[in-house]
Structure formats: C-alpha cells, structure tokens
Amino acid sequence: MAKVLRRPELWHYLLLAAGGLFIAVCARHQWFFFDEWAFLVPSGPTNLLAPHVGHWSTGPMLLTHALQGMFGLRSYAPYVGLAIAIHLGIAHLLWRILRRVGVQEWVAVALAFFFTVLGAGAQNILWGFQIGFMGAILLGLGALLVVDVAEPRRPALADAGFVVLSVTSLAFAGTALPLLAAAAVLAWRRRGWRRAALLIAPSVVIYAAWYLYAATAFVQAPAGRAETVEQLLTAVPQYAATMFVDALQAITPIPLFGIVLFTVVLLVVAARFTALWRTRPLALATTLAAVAFALLTGFSRVNLGIPEAGAGRYVYYMVALMLPVLGVAATAAFRRRALLPALAVLAIAAAAVYNAGLLRVDSLEQASREQGSRAIISAAAAVLSDPALTVAPDAQPEPQYAPDLTAEDLRILLDEGQFVPGPYTPDDYETARKNLQR
C-alpha cells in the first residue's frame, strides 16, 4: 500500500478528483448569466453555423440545446457540471503534456493540481457558457498530443483522430486557432512539412469555408479591432505582453511576480530555443500558441482597452499554455539539487491554495450577481401573469445580465415548463415591472 501511495500518477488522479469536488461545491449556487441566454431563449439562433461574437459556435450550441432538452432551466448543475468536466479534462491533458516533455513527475502533479483550482481563471471554470472556450482548448490539446508522435503505431488512425479533433475544436471557438497553428508546427517538426500540410489541410479548408459563409451571411460588427498600422505595431504587442504579465501576476499575491516570471520565460525560451525544438518541441509549441493567442486577441480587442487583457478567461488560456515551458524550466533548474524539487512542489502547492481561495471568493461574487438576476426574472414571471399589466413581447425582463431574454421568450419557457420561478422580493418585483414596462 505504501508503495502505491508513492506513485505520482495516483496522486494526480486523487488531486484531480478532489479539485473537481471542491469546484462543484463552489459552483453550487451559480446560475444562467449573460451570453448563455443567447443559446437558451426560444428566439435564439436556429442556424447552427451562426457565429457568436465572431466565434464558430456549433459545438457549444448543440451541447447547450441538448442539456436544455433534458433538464430545461430548472437546474444549473448540468450546465456548470459540463464546464467543470471539460476543465478537469484540460487539467489532465496538461499533466500528460508535462510528463511528455520531461517535467519532474512530482512537479507535474503539483502543476496540474494548481491548474485544477486556478481561481485566477474562475470566469471559465464556473460559467457554463465557457464550454465553447474551454472545449476548443481541450480538443486542441488533444490534437497536439496526437501529433507529437513521430511514428505512431497506427498512422491512419492517428491521422484520422487528429483531423477529427482539429476540425471539431474549431467548431467550439476561435481559441482553437493558435493551438492548431502550434499543431501544424509540431507536425512539421515530427513528420516533415509535407505530412504536416496534409494533416492540417482539412481544418484550414473547413474553417475557411465557414469563415467566408459567416462573413457573407451574418453581420458582425468589429468589437475593438485594431484599425491603424500604428496600433498593429505598438498597441497590439503591448496588449499581448500585458496578457502574459497579467496572467502570471494573477496567480500569486507576490508584487511584481508577473513581470519577473515573464522575464524568466522569455530568457528560457530564448536560451533553449534550439534545444526545445530538438528535444521538447511540444513545450515550445504550446508557448508559441500562447504568443499567437495574445497577438490575435490584441488585434481583435485592443480598442476595448488594455485592462481587458487581464480578464479571467485570458488568464486561464495563457497559464494553460505556459505551464509546459514553466515545468521544463523548473525541472532543468532543479535537476542537480535533491531538495529543490520538493521546494518547487511546496511553492506550487502554496500557489494552488491561494488560487483555491480566489475560486471560492469569485464563486460567491458570481453567485450573488447571478441569483439576483434569477430573482428579477422570477419576479418578471409574476408580472407577466398579472392580467392588469400590459407588456410588449420584446420587453426585456432583466436587460443587465440577461440581455437576450425577452418577455415573449420568458412566456414560452414558462408555458413549456422549462423555467420554474424561484423566490423574489418586492424590490425584485418592482425592478422587473419597470424593466418590462419601459
């Protein structure tokens, strides 16, 4: 038994399960919020190829509709439960990547657990809508692992698996694009440029076809996109650098930690670029994907303001993709020093505890906001049932946190039994009445 308990992989699975249980407890009071309503309302998009905020979103649309068909809106648990499951899948794949690139086994366990309770990225973990954002990461990481084999035992099966993963990831969100670009680079390193081109071609062709269709069939207003050459050369790189620094700073309360660790990452990649390319290309590929994501996000969001670069969803993505190179750097630094791996594990564990606290605090803040929204919508149901009040079909019961929900949508959800009103206060009723009778 003692020998079994000394196995790092066993502790990885135990900590993954414990982290998942902790997240589930934190998330037990979450509820539907903002973008989720775009897929949930009866008046929502019926075209599964319709973009959502510029993203190809067929995957999350189908999953959301499936959950709604089974559970309605009576409980949020299935929706946030799916998000948690996808998050745990990402944490597990990151552990596999850390081991694949040679990270010391206990350091890999600690880093994977740290990511499991990444409170700095709670915006993704606790919000059911982020199954699209995270689903693309999960499938993209899976594609990277599949292609990081020079000579697979079953080449045809491996190639087919890569194509399925890569195409499906694109149908979840544009967050897959940097990962697939990294996969193309990795395939070039592992199998040569001709094989890499053949592997990535289906994804390129299918995504290009969807993009051209979406651009012509749907009107998408640019949301903060860079507009001048000056912005491309200065503001976008600044935005991207800020994403790196803010992501690393968000994971710890230590002042200036973000800029110090960002500098370390730059130095490690610059000093060991050739060695990484030769012996650990997977770690280099994920780092390059982080760079590509930061630059693409900077291009599309720079006019929304630099503070947006530190949003929790971006912290999540950047930390996930920097984890392998950070693990490689830690392993290389500690290789000849017997006690330092243990110290590294303790430091990572401290960061995990800090992030678990962040996750708990964020869950309470989100729940307060979301339960307040639920109460107003429940009160709106009572307003709609009052025959003395006239309400326009397109009136919004809760425009702040449920902007896609109309009075007519709410009537349909009530008639179909999908939404069961909860408790509300007289103030909630008055707010709902004012919203519906503006």
Protein backbone atom coordinates (compact mmCIF):
# COMPACT_ATOMS: atom_id res chain seq x y z
CA MET A 1 0.00 0.00 0.00
CA ALA A 2 2.82 2.41 0.90
CA LYS A 3 4.43 1.72 -2.47
CA VAL A 4 1.16 2.51 -4.25
CA LEU A 5 0.82 5.81 -2.39
CA ARG A 6 4.25 6.85 -3.62
CA ARG A 7 3.11 6.71 -7.25
CA PRO A 8 2.80 10.25 -8.69
CA GLU A 9 0.13 9.27 -11.22
CA LEU A 10 -2.15 8.04 -8.42
CA TRP A 11 -1.82 11.40 -6.67
CA HIS A 12 -2.60 13.17 -9.91
CA TYR A 13 -5.94 11.38 -10.20
CA LEU A 14 -6.75 11.80 -6.49
CA LEU A 15 -6.00 15.52 -6.61
CA LEU A 16 -7.93 15.90 -9.85
CA ALA A 17 -10.97 14.32 -8.20
CA ALA A 18 -10.55 16.41 -5.05
CA GLY A 19 -10.20 19.57 -7.12
CA GLY A 20 -13.31 18.70 -9.10
CA LEU A 21 -15.29 18.15 -5.91
CA PHE A 22 -14.08 21.48 -4.50
CA ILE A 23 -15.10 23.30 -7.68
CA ALA A 24 -18.52 21.61 -7.66
CA VAL A 25 -19.09 22.81 -4.09
CA CYS A 26 -18.04 26.34 -5.03
CA ALA A 27 -20.31 26.31 -8.10
CA ARG A 28 -23.46 25.03 -6.42
CA HIS A 29 -25.13 28.47 -6.36
CA GLN A 30 -24.24 29.61 -9.90
CA TRP A 31 -26.99 30.34 -12.42
CA PHE A 32 -27.53 31.34 -16.06
CA PHE A 33 -25.78 34.55 -16.96
CA PHE A 34 -25.38 36.93 -19.90
CA ASP A 35 -24.20 35.15 -23.11
CA GLU A 36 -25.83 31.87 -22.07
CA TRP A 37 -29.24 33.34 -22.80
CA ALA A 38 -28.29 33.80 -26.46
CA PHE A 39 -28.41 29.99 -26.86
CA LEU A 40 -31.21 29.29 -24.38
CA VAL A 41 -34.00 31.61 -25.49
CA PRO A 42 -36.64 30.33 -27.96
CA SER A 43 -35.90 33.35 -30.19
CA GLY A 44 -32.20 32.46 -30.30
CA PRO A 45 -30.30 31.45 -33.44
CA THR A 46 -31.61 28.40 -35.27
CA ASN A 47 -28.72 28.30 -37.73
CA LEU A 48 -26.03 26.16 -36.11
CA LEU A 49 -23.37 27.81 -38.26
CA ALA A 50 -24.19 31.28 -36.98
CA PRO A 51 -21.18 32.92 -35.27
CA HIS A 52 -21.38 34.15 -31.70
CA VAL A 53 -19.21 37.23 -31.10
CA GLY A 54 -17.17 36.16 -34.12
CA HIS A 55 -16.67 32.56 -32.97
CA TRP A 56 -17.83 29.44 -34.76
CA SER A 57 -20.06 28.03 -32.00
CA THR A 58 -21.78 24.93 -33.37
CA GLY A 59 -20.32 22.73 -30.62
CA PRO A 60 -21.50 24.73 -27.60
CA MET A 61 -24.85 25.42 -29.28
CA LEU A 62 -25.51 21.69 -29.73
CA LEU A 63 -24.40 20.83 -26.19
CA THR A 64 -26.47 23.64 -24.67
CA HIS A 65 -29.56 22.64 -26.65
CA ALA A 66 -29.07 19.01 -25.60
CA LEU A 67 -28.85 19.96 -21.91
CA GLN A 68 -31.84 22.26 -22.25
CA GLY A 69 -33.86 19.48 -23.85
CA MET A 70 -33.06 17.12 -20.97
CA PHE A 71 -33.12 19.47 -17.98
CA GLY A 72 -34.72 22.72 -19.10
CA LEU A 73 -33.66 25.68 -16.96
CA ARG A 74 -34.79 24.08 -13.72
CA SER A 75 -31.25 23.47 -12.52
CA TYR A 76 -27.92 24.98 -13.45
CA ALA A 77 -25.98 21.94 -12.20
CA PRO A 78 -25.85 20.08 -15.57
CA TYR A 79 -24.59 23.18 -17.37
CA VAL A 80 -21.85 24.12 -14.92
CA GLY A 81 -21.13 20.41 -14.40
CA LEU A 82 -20.23 20.06 -18.07
CA ALA A 83 -17.95 23.11 -17.82
CA ILE A 84 -16.22 21.59 -14.79
CA ALA A 85 -15.78 18.26 -16.57
CA ILE A 86 -14.16 19.96 -19.57
CA HIS A 87 -11.90 21.94 -17.24
CA LEU A 88 -10.80 18.75 -15.47
CA GLY A 89 -10.12 17.21 -18.88
CA ILE A 90 -7.83 20.14 -19.73
CA ALA A 91 -6.01 19.77 -16.39
CA HIS A 92 -5.47 16.07 -17.12
CA LEU A 93 -4.18 16.68 -20.65
CA LEU A 94 -1.82 19.32 -19.29
CA TRP A 95 -0.48 16.72 -16.86
CA ARG A 96 0.09 14.36 -19.77
CA ILE A 97 1.86 17.10 -21.71
CA LEU A 98 4.03 17.94 -18.69
CA ARG A 99 5.11 14.31 -18.43
CA ARG A 100 5.58 14.06 -22.20
CA VAL A 101 8.04 16.98 -22.18
CA GLY A 102 10.03 15.54 -19.28
CA VAL A 103 8.85 17.63 -16.32
CA GLN A 104 9.85 16.05 -13.00
CA GLU A 105 6.94 13.77 -12.03
CA TRP A 106 6.01 15.39 -8.69
CA VAL A 107 6.37 18.87 -10.15
CA ALA A 108 4.00 17.78 -12.94
CA VAL A 109 1.45 16.56 -10.37
CA ALA A 110 1.69 19.83 -8.45
CA LEU A 111 1.35 21.99 -11.58
CA ALA A 112 -1.67 20.02 -12.80
CA PHE A 113 -3.38 20.40 -9.41
CA PHE A 114 -2.54 24.11 -9.34
CA PHE A 115 -4.26 24.48 -12.70
CA THR A 116 -7.24 22.42 -11.48
CA VAL A 117 -8.01 25.03 -8.80
CA LEU A 118 -6.96 28.04 -10.89
CA GLY A 119 -9.07 30.68 -9.19
CA ALA A 120 -7.49 33.38 -11.36
CA GLY A 121 -9.35 31.74 -14.27
CA ALA A 122 -12.64 31.24 -12.41
CA GLN A 123 -14.52 33.11 -15.15
CA ASN A 124 -14.14 29.99 -17.29
CA ILE A 125 -14.44 27.29 -14.66
CA LEU A 126 -17.66 28.49 -13.01
CA TRP A 127 -19.57 29.66 -16.09
CA GLY A 128 -21.43 27.07 -18.13
CA PHE A 129 -21.26 29.22 -21.25
CA GLN A 130 -17.49 28.74 -21.40
CA ILE A 131 -17.83 25.16 -22.62
CA GLY A 132 -17.08 26.66 -26.03
CA PHE A 133 -13.91 28.49 -24.98
CA MET A 134 -12.65 25.55 -22.91
CA GLY A 135 -13.89 22.86 -25.28
CA ALA A 136 -11.71 24.31 -28.02
CA ILE A 137 -8.70 24.18 -25.67
CA LEU A 138 -9.43 20.58 -24.64
CA LEU A 139 -9.73 19.36 -28.22
CA GLY A 140 -6.74 21.45 -29.34
CA LEU A 141 -4.52 19.98 -26.62
CA GLY A 142 -5.71 16.53 -27.62
CA ALA A 143 -4.68 17.25 -31.21
CA LEU A 144 -1.24 18.38 -30.02
CA LEU A 145 -0.72 15.14 -28.09
CA VAL A 146 -1.79 13.03 -31.06
CA VAL A 147 0.59 14.75 -33.46
CA ASP A 148 3.53 14.75 -31.02
CA VAL A 149 4.50 11.25 -32.14
CA ALA A 150 6.97 10.85 -34.97
CA GLU A 151 5.90 7.31 -35.88
CA PRO A 152 2.51 6.33 -34.42
CA ARG A 153 1.78 2.60 -34.21
CA ARG A 154 -1.37 3.08 -36.29
CA PRO A 155 -0.64 6.03 -38.60
CA ALA A 156 -4.01 6.09 -40.36
CA LEU A 157 -5.93 6.02 -37.07
CA ALA A 158 -3.70 8.72 -35.55
CA ASP A 159 -4.11 10.96 -38.60
CA ALA A 160 -7.88 10.50 -38.62
CA GLY A 161 -8.00 11.27 -34.89
CA PHE A 162 -6.01 14.45 -35.43
CA VAL A 163 -8.33 15.64 -38.21
CA VAL A 164 -11.45 14.94 -36.13
CA LEU A 165 -10.04 16.72 -33.07
CA SER A 166 -8.78 19.72 -35.01
CA VAL A 167 -11.96 20.29 -37.03
CA THR A 168 -14.21 19.77 -34.01
CA SER A 169 -12.13 22.17 -31.91
CA LEU A 170 -12.69 24.93 -34.47
CA ALA A 171 -16.46 24.44 -34.18
CA PHE A 172 -16.24 25.26 -30.44
CA ALA A 173 -14.44 28.63 -30.54
CA GLY A 174 -11.69 30.59 -32.22
CA THR A 175 -9.47 29.80 -29.21
CA ALA A 176 -8.59 26.64 -31.14
CA LEU A 177 -6.80 28.56 -33.90
CA PRO A 178 -3.49 29.21 -32.06
CA LEU A 179 -3.40 25.60 -30.86
CA LEU A 180 -3.90 24.27 -34.37
CA ALA A 181 -1.20 26.59 -35.70
CA ALA A 182 1.06 25.14 -33.00
CA ALA A 183 -0.04 21.63 -34.02
CA ALA A 184 0.98 22.38 -37.61
CA VAL A 185 4.44 23.49 -36.41
CA LEU A 186 4.73 20.38 -34.23
CA ALA A 187 3.68 18.11 -37.10
CA TRP A 188 6.34 19.75 -39.27
CA ARG A 189 8.96 19.00 -36.60
CA ARG A 190 7.82 15.43 -36.01
CA ARG A 191 6.80 14.29 -39.50
CA GLY A 192 8.08 16.77 -42.08
CA TRP A 193 6.37 19.64 -43.84
CA ARG A 194 4.54 17.56 -46.48
CA ARG A 195 2.84 15.37 -43.89
CA ALA A 196 2.12 18.40 -41.73
CA ALA A 197 0.46 20.18 -44.66
CA LEU A 198 -1.74 17.16 -45.38
CA LEU A 199 -2.74 16.86 -41.73
CA ILE A 200 -3.69 20.49 -41.25
CA ALA A 201 -5.30 21.00 -44.69
CA PRO A 202 -8.80 19.70 -43.77
CA SER A 203 -9.01 22.12 -40.83
CA VAL A 204 -7.83 25.06 -42.92
CA VAL A 205 -10.26 24.34 -45.74
CA ILE A 206 -13.27 23.74 -43.48
CA TYR A 207 -12.60 26.77 -41.28
CA ALA A 208 -12.02 29.00 -44.32
CA ALA A 209 -15.32 27.82 -45.80
CA TRP A 210 -17.16 28.56 -42.56
CA TYR A 211 -15.48 31.96 -42.20
CA LEU A 212 -16.44 33.03 -45.72
CA TYR A 213 -20.00 31.83 -45.16
CA ALA A 214 -20.29 33.63 -41.81
CA ALA A 215 -18.78 36.82 -43.24
CA THR A 216 -21.35 36.95 -46.04
CA ALA A 217 -24.43 35.56 -44.23
CA PHE A 218 -24.15 37.42 -40.92
CA VAL A 219 -23.35 40.99 -39.97
CA GLN A 220 -20.58 41.05 -37.37
CA ALA A 221 -19.56 44.46 -36.07
CA PRO A 222 -15.87 44.65 -35.10
CA ALA A 223 -15.51 44.63 -31.32
CA GLY A 224 -12.37 46.59 -30.56
CA ARG A 225 -10.34 45.53 -33.58
CA ALA A 226 -7.08 47.33 -34.40
CA GLU A 227 -7.69 49.90 -37.12
CA THR A 228 -4.35 51.51 -37.95
CA VAL A 229 -0.81 50.41 -38.76
CA GLU A 230 0.39 52.27 -35.67
CA GLN A 231 -1.90 50.16 -33.49
CA LEU A 232 -0.65 46.98 -35.15
CA LEU A 233 2.98 47.90 -34.48
CA THR A 234 2.66 49.31 -30.96
CA ALA A 235 -0.70 48.80 -29.23
CA VAL A 236 -1.19 45.16 -30.23
CA PRO A 237 2.27 43.99 -28.99
CA GLN A 238 1.70 45.98 -25.79
CA TYR A 239 -1.68 44.28 -25.32
CA ALA A 240 -0.09 40.87 -25.92
CA ALA A 241 2.74 41.49 -23.44
CA THR A 242 0.21 42.69 -20.89
CA MET A 243 -1.71 39.44 -21.30
CA PHE A 244 1.41 37.45 -20.40
CA VAL A 245 2.34 39.60 -17.42
CA ASP A 246 -1.21 39.89 -16.07
CA ALA A 247 -1.78 36.15 -16.37
CA LEU A 248 1.36 35.34 -14.38
CA GLN A 249 0.68 38.07 -11.84
CA ALA A 250 -2.90 36.92 -11.25
CA ILE A 251 -1.81 33.52 -9.90
CA THR A 252 0.00 34.89 -6.86
CA PRO A 253 -0.26 37.83 -4.43
CA ILE A 254 3.51 38.49 -4.63
CA PRO A 255 4.16 42.01 -6.04
CA LEU A 256 5.92 42.13 -9.43
CA PHE A 257 5.80 38.33 -9.69
CA GLY A 258 4.21 38.53 -13.14
CA ILE A 259 6.93 40.62 -14.75
CA VAL A 260 9.70 38.54 -13.12
CA LEU A 261 8.24 35.22 -14.25
CA PHE A 262 7.51 36.61 -17.71
CA THR A 263 11.16 37.63 -17.98
CA VAL A 264 12.23 34.13 -16.89
CA VAL A 265 10.01 32.57 -19.56
CA LEU A 266 11.48 34.85 -22.23
CA LEU A 267 15.03 34.00 -21.16
CA VAL A 268 14.38 30.27 -21.01
CA VAL A 269 12.76 30.16 -24.45
CA ALA A 270 15.45 32.38 -25.99
CA ALA A 271 18.36 30.48 -24.41
CA ARG A 272 16.97 26.99 -25.02
CA PHE A 273 15.03 27.53 -28.23
CA THR A 274 17.17 25.14 -30.28
CA ALA A 275 17.23 22.52 -27.52
CA LEU A 276 13.47 22.78 -27.06
CA TRP A 277 12.89 22.47 -30.80
CA ARG A 278 15.11 19.39 -30.91
CA THR A 279 14.09 17.53 -27.74
CA ARG A 280 10.86 19.08 -26.39
CA PRO A 281 9.00 20.62 -29.33
CA LEU A 282 5.64 20.14 -27.61
CA ALA A 283 6.62 22.59 -24.85
CA LEU A 284 7.80 25.08 -27.47
CA ALA A 285 4.59 24.59 -29.47
CA THR A 286 2.32 25.45 -26.54
CA THR A 287 4.41 28.55 -25.81
CA LEU A 288 4.15 29.67 -29.43
CA ALA A 289 0.39 29.08 -29.24
CA ALA A 290 0.26 31.42 -26.23
CA VAL A 291 2.13 34.08 -28.21
CA ALA A 292 -0.22 33.65 -31.18
CA PHE A 293 -3.30 33.84 -28.95
CA ALA A 294 -2.04 37.01 -27.24
CA LEU A 295 -1.34 38.71 -30.58
CA LEU A 296 -4.66 37.65 -32.14
CA THR A 297 -6.57 38.77 -29.07
CA GLY A 298 -4.67 42.05 -29.07
CA PHE A 299 -5.60 42.60 -32.72
CA SER A 300 -9.29 41.90 -32.14
CA ARG A 301 -9.69 43.55 -28.72
CA VAL A 302 -7.13 46.34 -28.44
CA ASN A 303 -9.69 49.15 -28.71
CA LEU A 304 -11.62 47.76 -25.75
CA GLY A 305 -8.78 48.92 -23.51
CA ILE A 306 -5.61 47.39 -22.05
CA PRO A 307 -7.29 46.39 -18.73
CA GLU A 308 -9.35 43.84 -20.71
CA ALA A 309 -6.08 41.93 -21.33
CA GLY A 310 -6.20 40.69 -17.72
CA ALA A 311 -9.68 39.14 -17.98
CA GLY A 312 -10.01 35.79 -16.22
CA ARG A 313 -10.75 33.86 -19.42
CA TYR A 314 -7.46 35.07 -20.90
CA VAL A 315 -5.54 34.30 -17.71
CA TYR A 316 -6.86 30.74 -17.96
CA TYR A 317 -5.69 30.29 -21.54
CA MET A 318 -2.27 31.87 -21.05
CA VAL A 319 -1.48 29.93 -17.88
CA ALA A 320 -2.53 26.65 -19.50
CA LEU A 321 -0.24 27.14 -22.47
CA MET A 322 2.72 28.44 -20.46
CA LEU A 323 2.58 25.60 -17.94
CA PRO A 324 4.72 23.16 -20.01
CA VAL A 325 7.64 25.55 -20.53
CA LEU A 326 7.46 26.62 -16.87
CA GLY A 327 7.61 22.96 -15.86
CA VAL A 328 10.57 22.34 -18.18
CA ALA A 329 12.40 25.36 -16.75
CA ALA A 330 11.77 24.22 -13.16
CA THR A 331 12.95 20.70 -13.92
CA ALA A 332 16.12 21.92 -15.62
CA ALA A 333 16.94 24.26 -12.71
CA PHE A 334 16.39 21.61 -10.07
CA ARG A 335 17.91 18.58 -11.77
CA ARG A 336 21.15 18.53 -9.79
CA ARG A 337 19.72 19.66 -6.47
CA ALA A 338 17.98 16.96 -4.45
CA LEU A 339 15.86 19.19 -2.22
CA LEU A 340 14.78 21.77 -4.76
CA PRO A 341 12.09 19.67 -6.49
CA ALA A 342 10.42 19.31 -3.09
CA LEU A 343 10.68 23.07 -2.56
CA ALA A 344 9.19 23.64 -6.02
CA VAL A 345 6.27 21.36 -5.17
CA LEU A 346 5.69 23.28 -1.93
CA ALA A 347 5.78 26.63 -3.77
CA ILE A 348 3.30 25.36 -6.38
CA ALA A 349 1.10 23.95 -3.60
CA ALA A 350 1.08 27.39 -1.93
CA ALA A 351 0.01 28.95 -5.23
CA ALA A 352 -2.71 26.28 -5.51
CA VAL A 353 -4.04 27.14 -2.05
CA TYR A 354 -4.08 30.84 -2.94
CA ASN A 355 -5.94 30.13 -6.17
CA ALA A 356 -8.42 27.86 -4.41
CA GLY A 357 -9.21 30.83 -2.18
CA LEU A 358 -9.66 33.04 -5.25
CA LEU A 359 -12.00 30.45 -6.74
CA ARG A 360 -14.13 30.41 -3.62
CA VAL A 361 -14.31 34.21 -3.41
CA ASP A 362 -15.13 34.54 -7.10
CA SER A 363 -17.83 31.89 -6.85
CA LEU A 364 -19.56 33.85 -4.09
CA GLU A 365 -19.37 37.10 -6.07
CA GLN A 366 -20.71 35.45 -9.22
CA ALA A 367 -23.46 33.64 -7.32
CA SER A 368 -24.63 36.88 -5.69
CA ARG A 369 -24.93 38.57 -9.08
CA GLU A 370 -26.50 35.56 -10.81
CA GLN A 371 -29.00 34.77 -8.06
CA GLY A 372 -30.03 38.43 -8.10
CA SER A 373 -30.66 38.10 -11.83
CA ARG A 374 -32.66 34.91 -11.23
CA ALA A 375 -34.83 36.67 -8.65
CA ILE A 376 -35.65 39.51 -11.07
CA ILE A 377 -36.55 37.07 -13.85
CA SER A 378 -38.72 35.10 -11.39
CA ALA A 379 -40.44 38.35 -10.44
CA ALA A 380 -40.91 39.09 -14.15
CA ALA A 381 -42.83 35.83 -14.47
CA ALA A 382 -45.26 37.14 -11.85
CA VAL A 383 -45.56 40.45 -13.73
CA LEU A 384 -46.41 38.57 -16.93
CA SER A 385 -49.14 36.62 -15.14
CA ASP A 386 -50.88 39.83 -13.99
CA PRO A 387 -53.76 40.50 -16.45
CA ALA A 388 -53.88 44.14 -15.37
CA LEU A 389 -50.41 44.80 -16.78
CA THR A 390 -49.63 45.15 -20.49
CA VAL A 391 -46.18 44.02 -21.56
CA ALA A 392 -44.69 44.25 -25.05
CA PRO A 393 -43.37 40.91 -26.40
CA ASP A 394 -39.89 42.35 -26.97
CA ALA A 395 -39.60 43.91 -23.50
CA GLN A 396 -36.56 42.75 -21.52
CA PRO A 397 -37.24 41.35 -18.03
CA GLU A 398 -33.57 41.63 -16.99
CA PRO A 399 -31.58 43.65 -19.53
CA GLN A 400 -28.39 43.87 -17.47
CA TYR A 401 -27.50 40.19 -17.09
CA ALA A 402 -29.96 38.51 -19.48
CA PRO A 403 -29.97 40.87 -22.48
CA ASP A 404 -31.16 38.23 -24.97
CA LEU A 405 -34.21 37.24 -22.93
CA THR A 406 -37.49 38.89 -23.97
CA ALA A 407 -40.92 38.82 -22.36
CA GLU A 408 -42.15 36.52 -25.12
CA ASP A 409 -39.19 34.16 -24.58
CA LEU A 410 -39.99 34.02 -20.87
CA ARG A 411 -43.67 33.28 -21.57
CA ILE A 412 -42.68 30.34 -23.80
CA LEU A 413 -40.18 28.99 -21.26
CA LEU A 414 -42.85 29.17 -18.55
CA ASP A 415 -45.53 27.53 -20.73
CA GLU A 416 -43.15 24.69 -21.65
CA GLY A 417 -42.21 24.16 -18.00
CA GLN A 418 -38.53 24.82 -18.71
CA PHE A 419 -38.27 27.67 -16.23
CA VAL A 420 -39.67 27.41 -12.70
CA PRO A 421 -39.71 30.78 -10.90
CA GLY A 422 -37.84 31.00 -7.62
CA PRO A 423 -38.19 33.33 -4.65
CA TYR A 424 -38.02 37.08 -5.11
CA THR A 425 -38.51 40.23 -3.04
CA PRO A 426 -40.88 43.18 -3.52
CA ASP A 427 -37.88 45.17 -4.76
CA ASP A 428 -37.20 42.48 -7.37
CA TYR A 429 -40.83 42.67 -8.48
CA GLU A 430 -40.67 46.43 -8.81
CA THR A 431 -37.44 46.21 -10.80
CA ALA A 432 -38.93 43.59 -13.13
CA ARG A 433 -42.12 45.62 -13.60
CA LYS A 434 -40.14 48.73 -14.53
CA ASN A 435 -37.97 46.74 -16.93
CA LEU A 436 -40.98 45.25 -18.68
CA GLN A 437 -42.94 48.46 -18.92
CA ARG A 438 -40.27 50.85 -20.15
